[in-house]
Amino acid sequence: MTSAAGNGPTPASDYTLEPALIVGATRARLIPLLLATVSVASALTGCALMDLARDCEGAGARVDEVAALGILDSRPDDAGVARGFGKVDAGCWSDSGDVVVSAERTYTFPGARAEVAAHYRAAARDDGWRPDPDAGPDDLSFVKKTMSLQIVFLTAEHLAEEDYGSRPDLSTGAAYSISVESYE
């Protein structure tokens, strides 16, 4: 090629790359870099790409199954369903590839917490749950296969944290929730 003046070859600085060639070359270098980064990240965190992509899609049947567990309907004599909590609260959430299905009931009991604790220790044992080895001695926590069961007594502070407001039937006696979480 000759210069516009016609006096010899055109200097290299007069050449320009087409924008498509620059973008193509950049993409070609970015793809291996991106793949290498993902590979290193998954090796360091122990997560595979498919695990990170897991979510609650298609978990409806599992949510229904956990919500129907008999232990959620088990309660001491004289215990009642707390006002505003007539149905099982069930759902699914995922975080960093972990999918958790949960279900919860809230009850009130006019008696002592010790009576509630005794009822659930027996009911859980009879239903195949065993004490959670990681729980504290006073915790009402149990495990069964890939599920955990927990009974939590509700306090005014807990109700405020959960934004339940001031409900008289939850502030006297032994108001408590029973929940099951199933880890997929």
C-alpha atoms as a PDB file:
ATOM      1  CA  MET A   1       0.000   0.000   0.000  1.00  0.00           C
ATOM      2  CA  THR A   2       1.262   3.513  -0.655  1.00  0.00           C
ATOM      3  CA  SER A   3       0.648   6.681   1.257  1.00  0.00           C
ATOM      4  CA  ALA A   4      -1.798   9.324   0.054  1.00  0.00           C
ATOM      5  CA  ALA A   5       1.163  11.416  -1.078  1.00  0.00           C
ATOM      6  CA  GLY A   6       2.232   8.496  -3.295  1.00  0.00           C
ATOM      7  CA  ASN A   7       5.786   8.411  -1.987  1.00  0.00           C
ATOM      8  CA  GLY A   8       6.240   4.912  -0.594  1.00  0.00           C
ATOM      9  CA  PRO A   9       4.633   2.535   1.846  1.00  0.00           C
ATOM     10  CA  THR A  10       2.116   3.797   4.379  1.00  0.00           C
ATOM     11  CA  PRO A  11       3.469   3.802   7.957  1.00  0.00           C
ATOM     12  CA  ALA A  12       1.926   1.260  10.353  1.00  0.00           C
ATOM     13  CA  SER A  13       0.442   4.066  12.454  1.00  0.00           C
ATOM     14  CA  ASP A  14      -1.870   4.901   9.603  1.00  0.00           C
ATOM     15  CA  TYR A  15      -3.626   1.524   9.934  1.00  0.00           C
ATOM     16  CA  THR A  16      -6.582   1.170  12.283  1.00  0.00           C
ATOM     17  CA  LEU A  17      -8.307  -1.968  13.409  1.00  0.00           C
ATOM     18  CA  GLU A  18     -11.967  -2.327  12.719  1.00  0.00           C
ATOM     19  CA  PRO A  19     -14.033  -2.052  15.918  1.00  0.00           C
ATOM     20  CA  ALA A  20     -15.494  -5.537  15.332  1.00  0.00           C
ATOM     21  CA  LEU A  21     -11.989  -7.001  15.341  1.00  0.00           C
ATOM     22  CA  ILE A  22     -11.113  -5.293  18.635  1.00  0.00           C
ATOM     23  CA  VAL A  23     -14.322  -6.441  20.342  1.00  0.00           C
ATOM     24  CA  GLY A  24     -13.887  -9.966  18.961  1.00  0.00           C
ATOM     25  CA  ALA A  25     -10.331 -10.176  20.243  1.00  0.00           C
ATOM     26  CA  THR A  26     -11.365  -8.830  23.658  1.00  0.00           C
ATOM     27  CA  ARG A  27     -14.186 -11.373  23.938  1.00  0.00           C
ATOM     28  CA  ALA A  28     -11.853 -14.153  22.910  1.00  0.00           C
ATOM     29  CA  ARG A  29      -9.526 -13.232  25.795  1.00  0.00           C
ATOM     30  CA  LEU A  30     -12.356 -12.720  28.324  1.00  0.00           C
ATOM     31  CA  ILE A  31     -13.997 -16.123  27.910  1.00  0.00           C
ATOM     32  CA  PRO A  32     -11.009 -18.163  29.147  1.00  0.00           C
ATOM     33  CA  LEU A  33     -10.484 -15.632  31.937  1.00  0.00           C
ATOM     34  CA  LEU A  34     -14.133 -15.893  32.997  1.00  0.00           C
ATOM     35  CA  LEU A  35     -14.045 -19.698  32.916  1.00  0.00           C
ATOM     36  CA  ALA A  36     -10.829 -19.757  34.938  1.00  0.00           C
ATOM     37  CA  THR A  37     -12.330 -17.393  37.529  1.00  0.00           C
ATOM     38  CA  VAL A  38     -15.481 -19.501  37.901  1.00  0.00           C
ATOM     39  CA  SER A  39     -13.407 -22.675  38.218  1.00  0.00           C
ATOM     40  CA  VAL A  40     -11.216 -21.186  40.930  1.00  0.00           C
ATOM     41  CA  ALA A  41     -14.224 -19.757  42.785  1.00  0.00           C
ATOM     42  CA  SER A  42     -16.058 -23.072  42.744  1.00  0.00           C
ATOM     43  CA  ALA A  43     -12.944 -24.913  43.930  1.00  0.00           C
ATOM     44  CA  LEU A  44     -12.387 -22.462  46.790  1.00  0.00           C
ATOM     45  CA  THR A  45     -16.014 -22.410  47.945  1.00  0.00           C
ATOM     46  CA  GLY A  46     -16.809 -26.042  47.275  1.00  0.00           C
ATOM     47  CA  CYS A  47     -19.761 -25.039  45.112  1.00  0.00           C
ATOM     48  CA  ALA A  48     -20.398 -26.334  41.648  1.00  0.00           C
ATOM     49  CA  LEU A  49     -22.052 -24.118  39.075  1.00  0.00           C
ATOM     50  CA  MET A  50     -25.178 -26.254  39.129  1.00  0.00           C
ATOM     51  CA  ASP A  51     -25.403 -25.932  42.923  1.00  0.00           C
ATOM     52  CA  LEU A  52     -25.282 -22.145  42.664  1.00  0.00           C
ATOM     53  CA  ALA A  53     -28.101 -22.184  40.134  1.00  0.00           C
ATOM     54  CA  ARG A  54     -30.472 -24.220  42.354  1.00  0.00           C
ATOM     55  CA  ASP A  55     -33.548 -22.432  43.585  1.00  0.00           C
ATOM     56  CA  CYS A  56     -37.097 -23.146  44.730  1.00  0.00           C
ATOM     57  CA  GLU A  57     -38.507 -23.734  41.269  1.00  0.00           C
ATOM     58  CA  GLY A  58     -40.392 -27.013  41.306  1.00  0.00           C
ATOM     59  CA  ALA A  59     -40.381 -27.282  45.130  1.00  0.00           C
ATOM     60  CA  GLY A  60     -44.165 -26.923  45.482  1.00  0.00           C
ATOM     61  CA  ALA A  61     -44.789 -30.615  46.102  1.00  0.00           C
ATOM     62  CA  ARG A  62     -42.054 -30.700  48.744  1.00  0.00           C
ATOM     63  CA  VAL A  63     -43.504 -27.605  50.452  1.00  0.00           C
ATOM     64  CA  ASP A  64     -46.915 -29.319  50.575  1.00  0.00           C
ATOM     65  CA  GLU A  65     -45.328 -32.509  51.923  1.00  0.00           C
ATOM     66  CA  VAL A  66     -43.539 -30.705  54.760  1.00  0.00           C
ATOM     67  CA  ALA A  67     -46.626 -28.600  55.577  1.00  0.00           C
ATOM     68  CA  ALA A  68     -48.666 -31.819  55.941  1.00  0.00           C
ATOM     69  CA  LEU A  69     -46.340 -33.417  58.529  1.00  0.00           C
ATOM     70  CA  GLY A  70     -48.403 -34.670  61.463  1.00  0.00           C
ATOM     71  CA  ILE A  71     -45.986 -33.293  64.041  1.00  0.00           C
ATOM     72  CA  LEU A  72     -47.087 -29.767  63.088  1.00  0.00           C
ATOM     73  CA  ASP A  73     -50.661 -30.601  64.164  1.00  0.00           C
ATOM     74  CA  SER A  74     -49.580 -32.299  67.375  1.00  0.00           C
ATOM     75  CA  ARG A  75     -50.238 -30.177  70.431  1.00  0.00           C
ATOM     76  CA  PRO A  76     -50.887 -30.582  74.129  1.00  0.00           C
ATOM     77  CA  ASP A  77     -54.476 -30.845  75.394  1.00  0.00           C
ATOM     78  CA  ASP A  78     -55.931 -27.349  75.871  1.00  0.00           C
ATOM     79  CA  ALA A  79     -53.500 -25.812  73.349  1.00  0.00           C
ATOM     80  CA  GLY A  80     -55.160 -23.709  70.685  1.00  0.00           C
ATOM     81  CA  VAL A  81     -54.259 -22.241  67.350  1.00  0.00           C
ATOM     82  CA  ALA A  82     -53.150 -18.675  67.894  1.00  0.00           C
ATOM     83  CA  ARG A  83     -55.453 -15.989  66.493  1.00  0.00           C
ATOM     84  CA  GLY A  84     -54.274 -15.043  63.014  1.00  0.00           C
ATOM     85  CA  PHE A  85     -52.245 -18.245  62.635  1.00  0.00           C
ATOM     86  CA  GLY A  86     -54.968 -20.672  61.549  1.00  0.00           C
ATOM     87  CA  LYS A  87     -52.999 -22.153  58.688  1.00  0.00           C
ATOM     88  CA  VAL A  88     -49.573 -23.693  58.419  1.00  0.00           C
ATOM     89  CA  ASP A  89     -47.122 -21.066  57.190  1.00  0.00           C
ATOM     90  CA  ALA A  90     -45.022 -22.918  54.595  1.00  0.00           C
ATOM     91  CA  GLY A  91     -42.595 -21.948  51.886  1.00  0.00           C
ATOM     92  CA  CYS A  92     -39.207 -22.308  50.310  1.00  0.00           C
ATOM     93  CA  TRP A  93     -36.070 -20.188  50.214  1.00  0.00           C
ATOM     94  CA  SER A  94     -32.656 -20.641  48.682  1.00  0.00           C
ATOM     95  CA  ASP A  95     -29.309 -19.112  49.457  1.00  0.00           C
ATOM     96  CA  SER A  96     -26.043 -19.859  47.675  1.00  0.00           C
ATOM     97  CA  GLY A  97     -27.439 -23.050  46.214  1.00  0.00           C
ATOM     98  CA  ASP A  98     -28.965 -24.360  49.451  1.00  0.00           C
ATOM     99  CA  VAL A  99     -32.700 -24.981  49.095  1.00  0.00           C
ATOM    100  CA  VAL A 100     -34.706 -25.042  52.322  1.00  0.00           C
ATOM    101  CA  VAL A 101     -38.391 -25.924  52.584  1.00  0.00           C
ATOM    102  CA  SER A 102     -40.066 -24.891  55.827  1.00  0.00           C
ATOM    103  CA  ALA A 103     -43.412 -25.060  57.594  1.00  0.00           C
ATOM    104  CA  GLU A 104     -44.511 -23.497  60.885  1.00  0.00           C
ATOM    105  CA  ARG A 105     -47.526 -23.450  63.227  1.00  0.00           C
ATOM    106  CA  THR A 106     -48.123 -21.112  66.151  1.00  0.00           C
ATOM    107  CA  TYR A 107     -50.081 -22.184  69.216  1.00  0.00           C
ATOM    108  CA  THR A 108     -51.089 -20.864  72.614  1.00  0.00           C
ATOM    109  CA  PHE A 109     -51.261 -22.912  75.778  1.00  0.00           C
ATOM    110  CA  PRO A 110     -52.735 -21.713  79.075  1.00  0.00           C
ATOM    111  CA  GLY A 111     -50.391 -23.876  81.148  1.00  0.00           C
ATOM    112  CA  ALA A 112     -46.674 -23.994  81.804  1.00  0.00           C
ATOM    113  CA  ARG A 113     -43.853 -24.260  79.281  1.00  0.00           C
ATOM    114  CA  ALA A 114     -42.718 -27.480  80.947  1.00  0.00           C
ATOM    115  CA  GLU A 115     -45.983 -29.162  79.885  1.00  0.00           C
ATOM    116  CA  VAL A 116     -45.437 -28.078  76.266  1.00  0.00           C
ATOM    117  CA  ALA A 117     -41.831 -29.316  76.364  1.00  0.00           C
ATOM    118  CA  ALA A 118     -42.879 -32.711  77.779  1.00  0.00           C
ATOM    119  CA  HIS A 119     -45.560 -33.102  75.113  1.00  0.00           C
ATOM    120  CA  TYR A 120     -43.177 -32.408  72.222  1.00  0.00           C
ATOM    121  CA  ARG A 121     -40.356 -34.559  73.577  1.00  0.00           C
ATOM    122  CA  ALA A 122     -42.766 -37.513  73.610  1.00  0.00           C
ATOM    123  CA  ALA A 123     -44.501 -36.636  70.308  1.00  0.00           C
ATOM    124  CA  ALA A 124     -41.190 -36.148  68.473  1.00  0.00           C
ATOM    125  CA  ARG A 125     -39.778 -39.430  69.798  1.00  0.00           C
ATOM    126  CA  ASP A 126     -42.974 -41.303  68.839  1.00  0.00           C
ATOM    127  CA  ASP A 127     -42.790 -39.815  65.312  1.00  0.00           C
ATOM    128  CA  GLY A 128     -39.171 -40.888  64.740  1.00  0.00           C
ATOM    129  CA  TRP A 129     -37.431 -37.609  65.560  1.00  0.00           C
ATOM    130  CA  ARG A 130     -34.330 -37.720  67.744  1.00  0.00           C
ATOM    131  CA  PRO A 131     -32.774 -34.911  69.805  1.00  0.00           C
ATOM    132  CA  ASP A 132     -30.504 -32.648  67.761  1.00  0.00           C
ATOM    133  CA  PRO A 133     -26.934 -33.424  68.921  1.00  0.00           C
ATOM    134  CA  ASP A 134     -25.906 -29.813  68.217  1.00  0.00           C
ATOM    135  CA  ALA A 135     -28.670 -28.267  70.329  1.00  0.00           C
ATOM    136  CA  GLY A 136     -28.299 -26.969  73.840  1.00  0.00           C
ATOM    137  CA  PRO A 137     -29.699 -28.984  76.775  1.00  0.00           C
ATOM    138  CA  ASP A 138     -32.757 -26.728  77.130  1.00  0.00           C
ATOM    139  CA  ASP A 139     -33.487 -26.470  73.389  1.00  0.00           C
ATOM    140  CA  LEU A 140     -36.441 -28.326  71.941  1.00  0.00           C
ATOM    141  CA  SER A 141     -34.674 -29.260  68.695  1.00  0.00           C
ATOM    142  CA  PHE A 142     -34.916 -32.572  66.888  1.00  0.00           C
ATOM    143  CA  VAL A 143     -33.683 -34.097  63.624  1.00  0.00           C
ATOM    144  CA  LYS A 144     -35.022 -36.712  61.222  1.00  0.00           C
ATOM    145  CA  LYS A 145     -33.275 -37.559  57.947  1.00  0.00           C
ATOM    146  CA  THR A 146     -32.664 -34.167  56.248  1.00  0.00           C
ATOM    147  CA  MET A 147     -35.174 -32.309  58.425  1.00  0.00           C
ATOM    148  CA  SER A 148     -34.971 -30.347  61.637  1.00  0.00           C
ATOM    149  CA  LEU A 149     -37.795 -29.668  64.081  1.00  0.00           C
ATOM    150  CA  GLN A 150     -37.762 -26.831  66.578  1.00  0.00           C
ATOM    151  CA  ILE A 151     -40.189 -25.590  69.188  1.00  0.00           C
ATOM    152  CA  VAL A 152     -39.624 -21.966  70.231  1.00  0.00           C
ATOM    153  CA  PHE A 153     -41.456 -20.189  73.030  1.00  0.00           C
ATOM    154  CA  LEU A 154     -42.579 -16.733  71.985  1.00  0.00           C
ATOM    155  CA  THR A 155     -41.755 -13.729  74.096  1.00  0.00           C
ATOM    156  CA  ALA A 156     -42.876 -10.121  73.744  1.00  0.00           C
ATOM    157  CA  GLU A 157     -39.435  -9.326  72.307  1.00  0.00           C
ATOM    158  CA  HIS A 158     -39.715 -12.147  69.769  1.00  0.00           C
ATOM    159  CA  LEU A 159     -43.180 -10.992  68.732  1.00  0.00           C
ATOM    160  CA  ALA A 160     -41.893  -7.439  68.247  1.00  0.00           C
ATOM    161  CA  GLU A 161     -38.910  -8.683  66.191  1.00  0.00           C
ATOM    162  CA  GLU A 162     -41.215 -10.697  63.945  1.00  0.00           C
ATOM    163  CA  ASP A 163     -43.623  -7.727  63.680  1.00  0.00           C
ATOM    164  CA  TYR A 164     -46.585  -9.690  65.061  1.00  0.00           C
ATOM    165  CA  GLY A 165     -47.679  -6.752  67.152  1.00  0.00           C
ATOM    166  CA  SER A 166     -49.319  -7.062  70.532  1.00  0.00           C
ATOM    167  CA  ARG A 167     -51.664 -10.032  70.456  1.00  0.00           C
ATOM    168  CA  PRO A 168     -53.194 -10.916  73.826  1.00  0.00           C
ATOM    169  CA  ASP A 169     -53.463 -14.624  73.029  1.00  0.00           C
ATOM    170  CA  LEU A 170     -49.711 -14.774  72.367  1.00  0.00           C
ATOM    171  CA  SER A 171     -48.604 -12.897  75.454  1.00  0.00           C
ATOM    172  CA  THR A 172     -50.071 -15.104  78.190  1.00  0.00           C
ATOM    173  CA  GLY A 173     -49.442 -18.733  79.092  1.00  0.00           C
ATOM    174  CA  ALA A 174     -47.040 -20.534  76.790  1.00  0.00           C
ATOM    175  CA  ALA A 175     -47.303 -19.153  73.273  1.00  0.00           C
ATOM    176  CA  TYR A 176     -44.959 -21.076  70.997  1.00  0.00           C
ATOM    177  CA  SER A 177     -44.187 -21.977  67.412  1.00  0.00           C
ATOM    178  CA  ILE A 178     -43.306 -25.372  66.025  1.00  0.00           C
ATOM    179  CA  SER A 179     -41.347 -25.399  62.786  1.00  0.00           C
ATOM    180  CA  VAL A 180     -39.820 -27.927  60.427  1.00  0.00           C
ATOM    181  CA  GLU A 181     -37.070 -27.185  57.944  1.00  0.00           C
ATOM    182  CA  SER A 182     -36.138 -29.652  55.229  1.00  0.00           C
ATOM    183  CA  TYR A 183     -32.789 -29.263  53.517  1.00  0.00           C
ATOM    184  CA  GLU A 184     -32.670 -30.431  49.909  1.00  0.00           C
END
